[in-house]
Each structure stands twice: as structure tokens, then as C-alpha cells.
Amino acid sequence: MTDQGSKAEALSYEQAREELIAIVQRLESGGVPLEESLALWERGEQLAAICQAWLDGAKAKIEAARQTEQAANES
């Protein structure tokens, strides 16, 4: 894994989301050279994956808590 990859792994959901928003705004504004646009797109994909992993983890925790609560209520 590259330094940038391990740095990305350490981002919180909020940090990744904010950086992703900034990248999208920059790409939408236009005027970015093609090579830089591609690099921004790739970084955006990484950040989107990090955000999705955080959301998936949160969803799994909520489901586990619901199942635990439901099992306790059935006992």
C-alpha cells in the first residue's frame, strides 16, 4: 500500500466526505487539465470507498444492536 493509501485509510468519515466534496466541486467547476482531472477522479473513487466502508460498518453495528435488543426482548 502506498503512503497515500495508508493516509486515506486513516481518514474519518467526515474527513473523507469533505475532501470528496472539494474534489467534486473542483471537477464540476471545469478548467482542470485532463491529467489532473484523472488524478482527482481516482482520489475521489478512493474517498468514496472509504465513506462507503464507514457507512457499511455503521449499518452493521446498528443491525447487531437491533438483533441483540430483539433477542433480549424475546427472552
PDB file of N, CA and C in Angstrom:
ATOM      1  N   MET A   1       0.847  -1.184   0.000  1.00  0.00           N
ATOM      2  CA  MET A   1       0.000   0.000   0.000  1.00  0.00           C
ATOM      3  C   MET A   1       0.885   1.237   0.000  1.00  0.00           C
ATOM      4  N   THR A   2       0.456   2.238  -0.724  1.00  0.00           N
ATOM      5  CA  THR A   2       1.248   3.458  -0.806  1.00  0.00           C
ATOM      6  C   THR A   2       1.024   4.317   0.425  1.00  0.00           C
ATOM      7  N   ASP A   3       1.869   5.333   0.586  1.00  0.00           N
ATOM      8  CA  ASP A   3       1.687   6.271   1.692  1.00  0.00           C
ATOM      9  C   ASP A   3       0.334   6.955   1.605  1.00  0.00           C
ATOM     10  N   GLN A   4      -0.061   7.322   0.385  1.00  0.00           N
ATOM     11  CA  GLN A   4      -1.352   7.982   0.213  1.00  0.00           C
ATOM     12  C   GLN A   4      -2.471   7.017   0.576  1.00  0.00           C
ATOM     13  N   GLY A   5      -2.321   5.736   0.231  1.00  0.00           N
ATOM     14  CA  GLY A   5      -3.329   4.742   0.572  1.00  0.00           C
ATOM     15  C   GLY A   5      -3.465   4.563   2.066  1.00  0.00           C
ATOM     16  N   SER A   6      -2.342   4.484   2.792  1.00  0.00           N
ATOM     17  CA  SER A   6      -2.433   4.326   4.234  1.00  0.00           C
ATOM     18  C   SER A   6      -2.937   5.605   4.890  1.00  0.00           C
ATOM     19  N   LYS A   7      -2.620   6.757   4.308  1.00  0.00           N
ATOM     20  CA  LYS A   7      -3.161   8.024   4.815  1.00  0.00           C
ATOM     21  C   LYS A   7      -4.675   8.033   4.635  1.00  0.00           C
ATOM     22  N   ALA A   8      -5.131   7.577   3.474  1.00  0.00           N
ATOM     23  CA  ALA A   8      -6.565   7.540   3.193  1.00  0.00           C
ATOM     24  C   ALA A   8      -7.276   6.593   4.151  1.00  0.00           C
ATOM     25  N   GLU A   9      -6.663   5.472   4.458  1.00  0.00           N
ATOM     26  CA  GLU A   9      -7.267   4.507   5.369  1.00  0.00           C
ATOM     27  C   GLU A   9      -7.497   5.111   6.755  1.00  0.00           C
ATOM     28  N   ALA A  10      -6.671   6.071   7.138  1.00  0.00           N
ATOM     29  CA  ALA A  10      -6.755   6.656   8.466  1.00  0.00           C
ATOM     30  C   ALA A  10      -7.776   7.796   8.550  1.00  0.00           C
ATOM     31  N   LEU A  11      -8.396   8.151   7.426  1.00  0.00           N
ATOM     32  CA  LEU A  11      -9.350   9.254   7.433  1.00  0.00           C
ATOM     33  C   LEU A  11     -10.645   8.874   8.135  1.00  0.00           C
ATOM     34  N   SER A  12     -11.199   9.834   8.839  1.00  0.00           N
ATOM     35  CA  SER A  12     -12.536   9.627   9.395  1.00  0.00           C
ATOM     36  C   SER A  12     -13.540   9.774   8.261  1.00  0.00           C
ATOM     37  N   TYR A  13     -14.777   9.376   8.517  1.00  0.00           N
ATOM     38  CA  TYR A  13     -15.828   9.541   7.522  1.00  0.00           C
ATOM     39  C   TYR A  13     -15.958  11.012   7.124  1.00  0.00           C
ATOM     40  N   GLU A  14     -15.973  11.868   8.128  1.00  0.00           N
ATOM     41  CA  GLU A  14     -16.160  13.299   7.874  1.00  0.00           C
ATOM     42  C   GLU A  14     -15.018  13.878   7.042  1.00  0.00           C
ATOM     43  N   GLN A  15     -13.792  13.462   7.343  1.00  0.00           N
ATOM     44  CA  GLN A  15     -12.641  13.959   6.591  1.00  0.00           C
ATOM     45  C   GLN A  15     -12.712  13.503   5.131  1.00  0.00           C
ATOM     46  N   ALA A  16     -13.024  12.235   4.941  1.00  0.00           N
ATOM     47  CA  ALA A  16     -13.115  11.692   3.583  1.00  0.00           C
ATOM     48  C   ALA A  16     -14.239  12.373   2.811  1.00  0.00           C
ATOM     49  N   ARG A  17     -15.372  12.573   3.452  1.00  0.00           N
ATOM     50  CA  ARG A  17     -16.522  13.215   2.806  1.00  0.00           C
ATOM     51  C   ARG A  17     -16.189  14.653   2.405  1.00  0.00           C
ATOM     52  N   GLU A  18     -15.557  15.398   3.301  1.00  0.00           N
ATOM     53  CA  GLU A  18     -15.208  16.792   2.999  1.00  0.00           C
ATOM     54  C   GLU A  18     -14.218  16.881   1.843  1.00  0.00           C
ATOM     55  N   GLU A  19     -13.225  15.998   1.834  1.00  0.00           N
ATOM     56  CA  GLU A  19     -12.263  16.006   0.733  1.00  0.00           C
ATOM     57  C   GLU A  19     -12.951  15.614  -0.570  1.00  0.00           C
ATOM     58  N   LEU A  20     -13.858  14.651  -0.503  1.00  0.00           N
ATOM     59  CA  LEU A  20     -14.596  14.227  -1.689  1.00  0.00           C
ATOM     60  C   LEU A  20     -15.459  15.368  -2.229  1.00  0.00           C
ATOM     61  N   ILE A  21     -16.121  16.091  -1.348  1.00  0.00           N
ATOM     62  CA  ILE A  21     -16.928  17.245  -1.772  1.00  0.00           C
ATOM     63  C   ILE A  21     -16.060  18.271  -2.490  1.00  0.00           C
ATOM     64  N   ALA A  22     -14.889  18.544  -1.937  1.00  0.00           N
ATOM     65  CA  ALA A  22     -13.982  19.519  -2.551  1.00  0.00           C
ATOM     66  C   ALA A  22     -13.537  19.055  -3.943  1.00  0.00           C
ATOM     67  N   ILE A  23     -13.277  17.768  -4.081  1.00  0.00           N
ATOM     68  CA  ILE A  23     -12.864  17.231  -5.382  1.00  0.00           C
ATOM     69  C   ILE A  23     -13.998  17.351  -6.393  1.00  0.00           C
ATOM     70  N   VAL A  24     -15.195  16.997  -5.995  1.00  0.00           N
ATOM     71  CA  VAL A  24     -16.344  17.093  -6.901  1.00  0.00           C
ATOM     72  C   VAL A  24     -16.555  18.543  -7.344  1.00  0.00           C
ATOM     73  N   GLN A  25     -16.474  19.468  -6.408  1.00  0.00           N
ATOM     74  CA  GLN A  25     -16.644  20.882  -6.752  1.00  0.00           C
ATOM     75  C   GLN A  25     -15.575  21.338  -7.735  1.00  0.00           C
ATOM     76  N   ARG A  26     -14.357  20.880  -7.505  1.00  0.00           N
ATOM     77  CA  ARG A  26     -13.254  21.271  -8.393  1.00  0.00           C
ATOM     78  C   ARG A  26     -13.458  20.709  -9.791  1.00  0.00           C
ATOM     79  N   LEU A  27     -13.890  19.439  -9.871  1.00  0.00           N
ATOM     80  CA  LEU A  27     -14.128  18.838 -11.177  1.00  0.00           C
ATOM     81  C   LEU A  27     -15.310  19.493 -11.884  1.00  0.00           C
ATOM     82  N   GLU A  28     -16.353  19.812 -11.126  1.00  0.00           N
ATOM     83  CA  GLU A  28     -17.533  20.438 -11.720  1.00  0.00           C
ATOM     84  C   GLU A  28     -17.261  21.859 -12.204  1.00  0.00           C
ATOM     85  N   SER A  29     -16.308  22.523 -11.591  1.00  0.00           N
ATOM     86  CA  SER A  29     -16.010  23.904 -11.983  1.00  0.00           C
ATOM     87  C   SER A  29     -15.359  23.980 -13.354  1.00  0.00           C
ATOM     88  N   GLY A  30     -14.752  22.891 -13.784  1.00  0.00           N
ATOM     89  CA  GLY A  30     -14.109  22.858 -15.092  1.00  0.00           C
ATOM     90  C   GLY A  30     -12.759  23.529 -15.061  1.00  0.00           C
ATOM     91  N   GLY A  31     -12.111  23.542 -16.204  1.00  0.00           N
ATOM     92  CA  GLY A  31     -10.824  24.205 -16.309  1.00  0.00           C
ATOM     93  C   GLY A  31      -9.655  23.431 -15.729  1.00  0.00           C
ATOM     94  N   VAL A  32      -9.910  22.192 -15.295  1.00  0.00           N
ATOM     95  CA  VAL A  32      -8.826  21.376 -14.739  1.00  0.00           C
ATOM     96  C   VAL A  32      -8.244  20.550 -15.884  1.00  0.00           C
ATOM     97  N   PRO A  33      -6.922  20.559 -16.053  1.00  0.00           N
ATOM     98  CA  PRO A  33      -6.306  19.770 -17.121  1.00  0.00           C
ATOM     99  C   PRO A  33      -6.672  18.288 -17.005  1.00  0.00           C
ATOM    100  N   LEU A  34      -6.683  17.596 -18.123  1.00  0.00           N
ATOM    101  CA  LEU A  34      -7.112  16.204 -18.171  1.00  0.00           C
ATOM    102  C   LEU A  34      -6.343  15.320 -17.192  1.00  0.00           C
ATOM    103  N   GLU A  35      -5.036  15.426 -17.172  1.00  0.00           N
ATOM    104  CA  GLU A  35      -4.228  14.572 -16.291  1.00  0.00           C
ATOM    105  C   GLU A  35      -4.590  14.803 -14.825  1.00  0.00           C
ATOM    106  N   GLU A  36      -4.767  16.061 -14.454  1.00  0.00           N
ATOM    107  CA  GLU A  36      -5.149  16.384 -13.086  1.00  0.00           C
ATOM    108  C   GLU A  36      -6.573  15.905 -12.796  1.00  0.00           C
ATOM    109  N   SER A  37      -7.459  16.017 -13.775  1.00  0.00           N
ATOM    110  CA  SER A  37      -8.828  15.540 -13.614  1.00  0.00           C
ATOM    111  C   SER A  37      -8.855  14.041 -13.332  1.00  0.00           C
ATOM    112  N   LEU A  38      -8.029  13.310 -14.064  1.00  0.00           N
ATOM    113  CA  LEU A  38      -7.958  11.863 -13.847  1.00  0.00           C
ATOM    114  C   LEU A  38      -7.447  11.530 -12.447  1.00  0.00           C
ATOM    115  N   ALA A  39      -6.439  12.260 -11.999  1.00  0.00           N
ATOM    116  CA  ALA A  39      -5.909  12.037 -10.651  1.00  0.00           C
ATOM    117  C   ALA A  39      -6.958  12.378  -9.596  1.00  0.00           C
ATOM    118  N   LEU A  40      -7.692  13.462  -9.816  1.00  0.00           N
ATOM    119  CA  LEU A  40      -8.756  13.835  -8.881  1.00  0.00           C
ATOM    120  C   LEU A  40      -9.855  12.784  -8.872  1.00  0.00           C
ATOM    121  N   TRP A  41     -10.201  12.285 -10.046  1.00  0.00           N
ATOM    122  CA  TRP A  41     -11.232  11.247 -10.150  1.00  0.00           C
ATOM    123  C   TRP A  41     -10.806  10.000  -9.364  1.00  0.00           C
ATOM    124  N   GLU A  42      -9.556   9.580  -9.545  1.00  0.00           N
ATOM    125  CA  GLU A  42      -9.052   8.402  -8.834  1.00  0.00           C
ATOM    126  C   GLU A  42      -9.088   8.617  -7.319  1.00  0.00           C
ATOM    127  N   ARG A  43      -8.683   9.788  -6.884  1.00  0.00           N
ATOM    128  CA  ARG A  43      -8.726  10.101  -5.451  1.00  0.00           C
ATOM    129  C   ARG A  43     -10.173  10.107  -4.958  1.00  0.00           C
ATOM    130  N   GLY A  44     -11.063  10.651  -5.770  1.00  0.00           N
ATOM    131  CA  GLY A  44     -12.476  10.653  -5.420  1.00  0.00           C
ATOM    132  C   GLY A  44     -13.019   9.241  -5.258  1.00  0.00           C
ATOM    133  N   GLU A  45     -12.614   8.345  -6.124  1.00  0.00           N
ATOM    134  CA  GLU A  45     -13.036   6.939  -6.016  1.00  0.00           C
ATOM    135  C   GLU A  45     -12.536   6.327  -4.702  1.00  0.00           C
ATOM    136  N   GLN A  46     -11.302   6.626  -4.338  1.00  0.00           N
ATOM    137  CA  GLN A  46     -10.753   6.124  -3.071  1.00  0.00           C
ATOM    138  C   GLN A  46     -11.562   6.662  -1.891  1.00  0.00           C
ATOM    139  N   LEU A  47     -11.839   7.945  -1.932  1.00  0.00           N
ATOM    140  CA  LEU A  47     -12.579   8.578  -0.831  1.00  0.00           C
ATOM    141  C   LEU A  47     -14.005   8.043  -0.747  1.00  0.00           C
ATOM    142  N   ALA A  48     -14.630   7.828  -1.899  1.00  0.00           N
ATOM    143  CA  ALA A  48     -15.982   7.262  -1.908  1.00  0.00           C
ATOM    144  C   ALA A  48     -15.978   5.866  -1.284  1.00  0.00           C
ATOM    145  N   ALA A  49     -14.952   5.086  -1.569  1.00  0.00           N
ATOM    146  CA  ALA A  49     -14.848   3.745  -0.990  1.00  0.00           C
ATOM    147  C   ALA A  49     -14.653   3.816   0.528  1.00  0.00           C
ATOM    148  N   ILE A  50     -13.876   4.776   0.989  1.00  0.00           N
ATOM    149  CA  ILE A  50     -13.673   4.951   2.431  1.00  0.00           C
ATOM    150  C   ILE A  50     -14.988   5.331   3.101  1.00  0.00           C
ATOM    151  N   CYS A  51     -15.714   6.271   2.500  1.00  0.00           N
ATOM    152  CA  CYS A  51     -17.008   6.674   3.061  1.00  0.00           C
ATOM    153  C   CYS A  51     -17.962   5.488   3.094  1.00  0.00           C
ATOM    154  N   GLN A  52     -17.997   4.709   2.019  1.00  0.00           N
ATOM    155  CA  GLN A  52     -18.892   3.554   1.972  1.00  0.00           C
ATOM    156  C   GLN A  52     -18.531   2.528   3.042  1.00  0.00           C
ATOM    157  N   ALA A  53     -17.232   2.327   3.260  1.00  0.00           N
ATOM    158  CA  ALA A  53     -16.803   1.384   4.303  1.00  0.00           C
ATOM    159  C   ALA A  53     -17.262   1.850   5.682  1.00  0.00           C
ATOM    160  N   TRP A  54     -17.141   3.153   5.952  1.00  0.00           N
ATOM    161  CA  TRP A  54     -17.624   3.694   7.232  1.00  0.00           C
ATOM    162  C   TRP A  54     -19.131   3.479   7.370  1.00  0.00           C
ATOM    163  N   LEU A  55     -19.872   3.770   6.300  1.00  0.00           N
ATOM    164  CA  LEU A  55     -21.332   3.608   6.347  1.00  0.00           C
ATOM    165  C   LEU A  55     -21.726   2.144   6.510  1.00  0.00           C
ATOM    166  N   ASP A  56     -21.035   1.253   5.819  1.00  0.00           N
ATOM    167  CA  ASP A  56     -21.318  -0.173   5.958  1.00  0.00           C
ATOM    168  C   ASP A  56     -21.038  -0.652   7.380  1.00  0.00           C
ATOM    169  N   GLY A  57     -19.954  -0.159   7.967  1.00  0.00           N
ATOM    170  CA  GLY A  57     -19.621  -0.521   9.343  1.00  0.00           C
ATOM    171  C   GLY A  57     -20.666  -0.026  10.328  1.00  0.00           C
ATOM    172  N   ALA A  58     -21.126   1.197  10.123  1.00  0.00           N
ATOM    173  CA  ALA A  58     -22.163   1.753  11.000  1.00  0.00           C
ATOM    174  C   ALA A  58     -23.458   0.961  10.866  1.00  0.00           C
ATOM    175  N   LYS A  59     -23.811   0.607   9.641  1.00  0.00           N
ATOM    176  CA  LYS A  59     -25.028  -0.175   9.409  1.00  0.00           C
ATOM    177  C   LYS A  59     -24.933  -1.540  10.090  1.00  0.00           C
ATOM    178  N   ALA A  60     -23.783  -2.170  10.005  1.00  0.00           N
ATOM    179  CA  ALA A  60     -23.588  -3.478  10.645  1.00  0.00           C
ATOM    180  C   ALA A  60     -23.716  -3.368  12.164  1.00  0.00           C
ATOM    181  N   LYS A  61     -23.173  -2.299  12.744  1.00  0.00           N
ATOM    182  CA  LYS A  61     -23.280  -2.103  14.191  1.00  0.00           C
ATOM    183  C   LYS A  61     -24.736  -1.890  14.614  1.00  0.00           C
ATOM    184  N   ILE A  62     -25.472  -1.123  13.818  1.00  0.00           N
ATOM    185  CA  ILE A  62     -26.885  -0.878  14.128  1.00  0.00           C
ATOM    186  C   ILE A  62     -27.678  -2.174  14.039  1.00  0.00           C
ATOM    187  N   GLU A  63     -27.439  -2.950  12.997  1.00  0.00           N
ATOM    188  CA  GLU A  63     -28.134  -4.231  12.839  1.00  0.00           C
ATOM    189  C   GLU A  63     -27.812  -5.176  14.001  1.00  0.00           C
ATOM    190  N   ALA A  64     -26.546  -5.223  14.407  1.00  0.00           N
ATOM    191  CA  ALA A  64     -26.151  -6.087  15.524  1.00  0.00           C
ATOM    192  C   ALA A  64     -26.843  -5.644  16.813  1.00  0.00           C
ATOM    193  N   ALA A  65     -26.920  -4.342  17.029  1.00  0.00           N
ATOM    194  CA  ALA A  65     -27.583  -3.824  18.221  1.00  0.00           C
ATOM    195  C   ALA A  65     -29.074  -4.151  18.192  1.00  0.00           C
ATOM    196  N   ARG A  66     -29.695  -4.023  17.037  1.00  0.00           N
ATOM    197  CA  ARG A  66     -31.119  -4.356  16.900  1.00  0.00           C
ATOM    198  C   ARG A  66     -31.364  -5.838  17.181  1.00  0.00           C
ATOM    199  N   GLN A  67     -30.511  -6.684  16.644  1.00  0.00           N
ATOM    200  CA  GLN A  67     -30.669  -8.119  16.855  1.00  0.00           C
ATOM    201  C   GLN A  67     -30.476  -8.477  18.321  1.00  0.00           C
ATOM    202  N   THR A  68     -29.508  -7.850  18.973  1.00  0.00           N
ATOM    203  CA  THR A  68     -29.266  -8.100  20.393  1.00  0.00           C
ATOM    204  C   THR A  68     -30.477  -7.648  21.219  1.00  0.00           C
ATOM    205  N   GLU A  69     -31.005  -6.479  20.888  1.00  0.00           N
ATOM    206  CA  GLU A  69     -32.168  -5.968  21.591  1.00  0.00           C
ATOM    207  C   GLU A  69     -33.381  -6.854  21.364  1.00  0.00           C
ATOM    208  N   GLN A  70     -33.556  -7.305  20.131  1.00  0.00           N
ATOM    209  CA  GLN A  70     -34.690  -8.168  19.805  1.00  0.00           C
ATOM    210  C   GLN A  70     -34.573  -9.510  20.537  1.00  0.00           C
ATOM    211  N   ALA A  71     -33.377 -10.058  20.592  1.00  0.00           N
ATOM    212  CA  ALA A  71     -33.167 -11.330  21.292  1.00  0.00           C
ATOM    213  C   ALA A  71     -33.417 -11.166  22.780  1.00  0.00           C
ATOM    214  N   ALA A  72     -33.028 -10.039  23.352  1.00  0.00           N
ATOM    215  CA  ALA A  72     -33.257  -9.783  24.768  1.00  0.00           C
ATOM    216  C   ALA A  72     -34.749  -9.623  25.049  1.00  0.00           C
ATOM    217  N   ASN A  73     -35.481  -9.019  24.149  1.00  0.00           N
ATOM    218  CA  ASN A  73     -36.912  -8.830  24.331  1.00  0.00           C
ATOM    219  C   ASN A  73     -37.694 -10.125  24.173  1.00  0.00           C
ATOM    220  N   GLU A  74     -37.156 -11.064  23.410  1.00  0.00           N
ATOM    221  CA  GLU A  74     -37.830 -12.347  23.204  1.00  0.00           C
ATOM    222  C   GLU A  74     -37.578 -13.313  24.360  1.00  0.00           C
ATOM    223  N   SER A  75     -36.575 -13.049  25.159  1.00  0.00           N
ATOM    224  CA  SER A  75     -36.238 -13.944  26.275  1.00  0.00           C
ATOM    225  C   SER A  75     -37.160 -13.791  27.440  1.00  0.00           C
TER     226      SER A  75
END
